[in-house]
Protein backbone atom coordinates (compact mmCIF):
# COMPACT_ATOMS: atom_id res chain seq x y z
CA UNK A 1 -4.28 -29.21 41.26
CA UNK A 2 -2.24 -26.82 42.34
CA UNK A 3 -3.60 -22.81 42.14
CA UNK A 4 -1.84 -19.81 42.36
CA UNK A 5 -3.05 -16.23 42.84
CA UNK A 6 -1.10 -13.85 41.90
CA UNK A 7 -2.71 -9.97 43.56
CA UNK A 8 -4.93 -9.92 46.69
CA UNK A 9 -7.28 -12.89 47.02
CA UNK A 10 -8.76 -15.00 49.42
CA UNK A 11 -8.59 -19.18 48.98
CA UNK A 12 -10.65 -21.58 50.91
CA UNK A 13 -10.45 -25.04 50.82
CA UNK A 14 -13.52 -27.74 51.30
CA UNK A 15 -14.88 -31.01 50.44
CA UNK A 16 -17.67 -31.35 48.73
CA UNK A 17 -19.74 -34.42 47.54
CA UNK A 18 -22.71 -33.71 45.57
CA UNK A 19 -21.90 -31.25 42.64
CA UNK A 20 -18.93 -30.86 40.24
CA UNK A 21 -18.11 -27.45 38.67
CA UNK A 22 -16.39 -24.33 37.61
CA UNK A 23 -17.72 -21.50 37.49
CA UNK A 24 -16.03 -18.10 36.19
CA UNK A 25 -18.22 -14.71 36.59
CA UNK A 26 -17.40 -11.11 35.50
CA UNK A 27 -16.73 -10.30 38.81
CA UNK A 28 -13.80 -12.74 39.01
CA UNK A 29 -15.11 -15.05 41.69
CA UNK A 30 -13.87 -18.18 40.53
CA UNK A 31 -15.00 -21.86 42.12
CA UNK A 32 -13.88 -25.10 41.75
CA UNK A 33 -15.53 -28.34 42.66
CA UNK A 34 -14.85 -31.84 41.87
CA UNK A 35 -17.22 -34.45 42.87
CA UNK A 36 -17.10 -38.07 42.88
CA UNK A 37 -20.76 -38.38 42.06
CA UNK A 38 -20.41 -36.55 38.44
CA UNK A 39 -19.77 -40.14 36.56
CA UNK A 40 -19.23 -38.62 33.46
CA UNK A 41 -15.26 -37.63 33.79
CA UNK A 42 -14.91 -36.59 30.56
CA UNK A 43 -17.53 -34.50 30.04
CA UNK A 44 -17.04 -30.52 29.81
CA UNK A 45 -19.25 -27.54 28.71
CA UNK A 46 -18.93 -24.17 29.06
CA UNK A 47 -21.51 -20.95 28.08
CA UNK A 48 -19.56 -18.14 27.43
CA UNK A 49 -21.51 -14.49 27.71
CA UNK A 50 -21.39 -11.65 30.35
CA UNK A 51 -21.10 -14.57 33.26
CA UNK A 52 -19.18 -17.26 32.02
CA UNK A 53 -19.77 -20.94 33.30
CA UNK A 54 -17.03 -24.27 32.67
CA UNK A 55 -18.42 -27.37 33.97
CA UNK A 56 -15.04 -29.54 34.51
CA UNK A 57 -16.19 -33.03 36.37
CA UNK A 58 -13.97 -35.13 38.15
CA UNK A 59 -13.20 -38.30 40.44
CA UNK A 60 -11.72 -36.64 42.94
CA UNK A 61 -13.77 -35.84 46.21
CA UNK A 62 -11.70 -32.37 46.87
CA UNK A 63 -13.04 -29.24 46.54
CA UNK A 64 -11.76 -25.67 46.25
CA UNK A 65 -13.25 -22.34 46.45
CA UNK A 66 -11.12 -19.42 45.13
CA UNK A 67 -12.18 -15.50 45.14
CA UNK A 68 -9.78 -12.64 44.08
CA UNK A 69 -10.45 -9.21 43.83
CA UNK A 70 -11.55 -8.18 40.28
CA UNK A 71 -8.49 -5.28 39.19
CA UNK A 72 -6.13 -5.09 36.94
CA UNK A 73 -3.50 -5.43 39.01
CA UNK A 74 -4.58 -9.01 40.16
CA UNK A 75 -4.82 -12.23 38.07
CA UNK A 76 -5.45 -15.79 38.77
CA UNK A 77 -3.14 -18.57 37.79
CA UNK A 78 -4.27 -22.21 37.32
CA UNK A 79 -1.49 -24.42 37.12
CA UNK A 80 -0.84 -28.52 37.25
CA UNK A 81 2.64 -27.83 38.45
CA UNK A 82 3.78 -25.89 41.57
CA UNK A 83 6.31 -23.47 40.15
CA UNK A 84 5.56 -20.10 38.32
CA UNK A 85 7.74 -20.22 35.56
CA UNK A 86 7.66 -17.22 32.92
CA UNK A 87 9.64 -17.61 29.58
CA UNK A 88 11.43 -14.36 28.56
CA UNK A 89 10.15 -13.00 25.54
CA UNK A 90 12.47 -12.31 22.75
CA UNK A 91 12.76 -9.04 21.52
CA UNK A 92 12.86 -7.93 17.68
CA UNK A 93 15.64 -6.25 16.54
CA UNK A 94 14.17 -3.02 13.93
CA UNK A 95 15.88 -1.85 11.20
CA UNK A 96 14.58 1.35 9.50
CA UNK A 97 15.52 2.18 5.57
CA UNK A 98 17.09 5.15 4.86
CA UNK A 99 16.31 7.30 1.95
CA UNK A 100 17.51 5.91 -1.30
CA UNK A 101 18.65 9.31 -1.98
CA UNK A 102 20.71 9.13 1.04
CA UNK A 103 23.90 9.03 -0.92
CA UNK A 104 24.34 11.53 -3.86
CA UNK A 105 25.54 11.23 -7.29
CA UNK A 106 28.35 13.16 -6.34
CA UNK A 107 29.16 10.64 -3.48
CA UNK A 108 28.10 13.23 -0.40
CA UNK A 109 25.65 12.64 2.07
CA UNK A 110 21.91 14.20 1.13
CA UNK A 111 20.64 16.67 3.80
CA UNK A 112 23.32 15.49 5.97
CA UNK A 113 22.38 17.34 9.24
CA UNK A 114 18.48 16.06 8.41
CA UNK A 115 20.09 12.68 8.40
CA UNK A 116 21.99 12.61 11.38
CA UNK A 117 19.23 14.17 13.25
CA UNK A 118 16.90 11.36 12.30
CA UNK A 119 19.60 8.95 13.21
CA UNK A 120 19.74 10.44 16.49
CA UNK A 121 15.84 10.42 17.03
CA UNK A 122 16.05 6.32 15.71
CA UNK A 123 18.18 5.51 18.50
CA UNK A 124 16.10 7.10 21.25
CA UNK A 125 13.43 5.07 19.93
CA UNK A 126 14.88 1.77 20.74
CA UNK A 127 16.12 1.49 16.80
CA UNK A 128 18.35 -1.65 16.23
CA UNK A 129 19.72 0.12 13.00
CA UNK A 130 19.35 1.18 9.70
CA UNK A 131 19.29 -0.21 6.11
CA UNK A 132 20.81 2.09 3.10
CA UNK A 133 21.06 0.82 -0.54
CA UNK A 134 24.76 0.80 -1.99
CA UNK A 135 24.89 1.71 -5.61
CA UNK A 136 27.56 0.40 -8.22
CA UNK A 137 26.90 3.72 -10.02
CA UNK A 138 28.46 5.76 -7.50
CA UNK A 139 31.07 3.77 -6.18
CA UNK A 140 32.81 2.91 -9.27
CA UNK A 141 31.44 5.57 -11.41
CA UNK A 142 34.04 6.89 -13.27
CA UNK A 143 36.36 4.20 -14.69
CA UNK A 144 36.51 0.53 -14.11
CA UNK A 145 38.36 -0.25 -11.38
CA UNK A 146 38.48 3.50 -9.55
CA UNK A 147 36.39 3.13 -6.35
CA UNK A 148 35.48 5.70 -4.11
CA UNK A 149 33.69 5.14 -0.93
CA UNK A 150 33.81 8.77 0.78
CA UNK A 151 30.07 9.02 0.81
CA UNK A 152 29.32 5.59 2.21
CA UNK A 153 32.22 5.99 4.63
CA UNK A 154 30.75 9.16 6.02
CA UNK A 155 27.33 7.95 6.37
CA UNK A 156 28.71 4.96 8.30
CA UNK A 157 30.88 6.72 10.69
CA UNK A 158 27.95 8.53 11.58
CA UNK A 159 25.60 5.23 12.24
CA UNK A 160 29.00 4.23 14.46
CA UNK A 161 29.05 7.01 16.67
CA UNK A 162 25.53 6.69 17.55
CA UNK A 163 25.43 3.02 18.36
CA UNK A 164 23.30 1.90 15.63
CA UNK A 165 23.91 -0.99 13.07
CA UNK A 166 23.79 -1.20 9.32
CA UNK A 167 22.55 -3.31 6.97
CA UNK A 168 23.92 -2.51 2.79
CA UNK A 169 22.04 -3.66 -0.02
CA UNK A 170 24.08 -3.84 -2.84
CA UNK A 171 22.53 -2.22 -6.18
CA UNK A 172 23.92 -3.02 -9.46
CA UNK A 173 21.25 -1.34 -11.10
CA UNK A 174 20.21 2.48 -11.50
CA UNK A 175 17.49 4.11 -9.55
CA UNK A 176 15.12 7.21 -10.89
CA UNK A 177 14.26 8.08 -7.43
CA UNK A 178 17.55 8.36 -6.28
CA UNK A 179 18.99 9.91 -9.32
CA UNK A 180 21.38 7.40 -10.02
CA UNK A 181 22.26 5.80 -13.31
CA UNK A 182 24.74 3.18 -14.26
CA UNK A 183 28.59 3.69 -13.88
CA UNK A 184 29.42 6.16 -16.73
CA UNK A 185 31.84 4.00 -18.19
CA UNK A 186 29.50 1.16 -18.33
CA UNK A 187 26.99 3.72 -19.69
CA UNK A 188 29.72 4.68 -22.65
CA UNK A 189 29.96 0.83 -23.83
CA UNK A 190 26.79 0.42 -23.87
CA UNK A 191 26.48 3.14 -26.36
CA UNK A 192 28.28 1.00 -29.05
CA UNK A 193 27.41 -2.47 -27.51
CA UNK A 194 23.55 -1.89 -27.05
CA UNK A 195 22.98 -5.45 -26.29
CA UNK A 196 24.19 -5.63 -23.02
CA UNK A 197 20.89 -4.07 -21.88
CA UNK A 198 17.84 -5.90 -21.74
CA UNK A 199 15.43 -5.63 -25.22
CA UNK A 200 12.16 -5.89 -25.81
CA UNK A 201 10.15 -7.11 -29.11
CA UNK A 202 10.06 -3.53 -30.45
CA UNK A 203 13.51 -3.18 -29.69
CA UNK A 204 13.26 -0.85 -26.63
CA UNK A 205 16.35 -0.81 -24.72
CA UNK A 206 15.98 -1.02 -20.94
CA UNK A 207 19.38 0.75 -19.72
CA UNK A 208 18.86 0.62 -15.93
CA UNK A 209 20.79 -2.40 -15.37
CA UNK A 210 23.08 -5.10 -17.44
CA UNK A 211 20.90 -7.80 -19.41
CA UNK A 212 21.83 -11.08 -17.61
CA UNK A 213 22.44 -12.77 -21.07
CA UNK A 214 25.53 -10.78 -20.80
CA UNK A 215 26.54 -12.05 -17.59
CA UNK A 216 29.44 -14.26 -18.84
CA UNK A 217 30.08 -12.29 -22.04
CA UNK A 218 33.41 -9.85 -21.70
CA UNK A 219 31.85 -6.96 -23.21
CA UNK A 220 32.94 -4.66 -20.27
CA UNK A 221 36.32 -4.06 -21.62
CA UNK A 222 37.59 -7.67 -21.82
CA UNK A 223 36.05 -8.72 -18.59
CA UNK A 224 32.45 -10.07 -18.03
CA UNK A 225 29.87 -8.24 -15.52
CA UNK A 226 30.06 -11.04 -13.44
CA UNK A 227 33.99 -10.76 -12.97
CA UNK A 228 33.67 -6.80 -12.55
CA UNK A 229 30.89 -7.53 -9.90
CA UNK A 230 33.36 -9.69 -7.99
CA UNK A 231 36.28 -7.37 -8.14
CA UNK A 232 33.71 -4.76 -6.65
CA UNK A 233 32.76 -6.97 -3.60
CA UNK A 234 36.36 -7.60 -3.25
CA UNK A 235 36.86 -3.64 -3.01
CA UNK A 236 33.94 -3.59 -0.70
CA UNK A 237 35.58 -6.03 1.42
CA UNK A 238 38.71 -4.10 1.92
CA UNK A 239 37.77 -0.76 2.23
CA UNK A 240 34.42 -1.39 5.02
CA UNK A 241 36.90 -4.02 6.89
CA UNK A 242 37.48 -1.81 9.93
CA UNK A 243 33.15 -1.56 10.03
CA UNK A 244 32.51 -5.17 9.25
CA UNK A 245 30.79 -7.69 12.12
CA UNK A 246 30.65 -4.23 14.41
CA UNK A 247 28.62 -1.66 12.37
CA UNK A 248 27.83 -3.31 9.14
CA UNK A 249 26.02 -6.63 10.18
């Protein structure tokens, strides 16, 4: 058996015949003895408490006595291998969610100075990046097929300059907390075609998102919601492509 000691220690190797045991005590004195006279090679017992004792008999007649000084910097390592191999610890990448109303309904950064200062602080803390919701009701608000990425491009550029990463969560629903509704042109269609919204048994309409039942129905000026979503993603890809794979991950 190989015994490696890290720190200040004394190792005495001797030969013992009558007793076989390992003892571990509070003061970090460690003794290991193996005896041929202890017949039950599988037996092993331990009493855990202030003074710890572990009995580990073996057929070998060689005994080891290890004394290591007790301190936070000293550590005894007992291994079957002669090499001391330490595996690297994988780091965890941390992303912090930005406020839901970071981009206002008017497509501008809310509290721009505070957001910039907060991002700098996160960078100093070692954060990998941030997460930001991207609302359909902000980008394609006025008319179908008319996209405005102004606010989101502004925040992406700040994130890029600081060397942070960005995760985007595309939201095709409204948000009361962020004070963002569905696109205006969709809401106008909903006034004449309320069936595009979820409806409860009492007839109440939930106007914060489109019903799944309308996904394949051409209710949005001759297009289905899924077709509109697909066009949105195509424009997102082309408009934000300079940041894809680098800042936006």
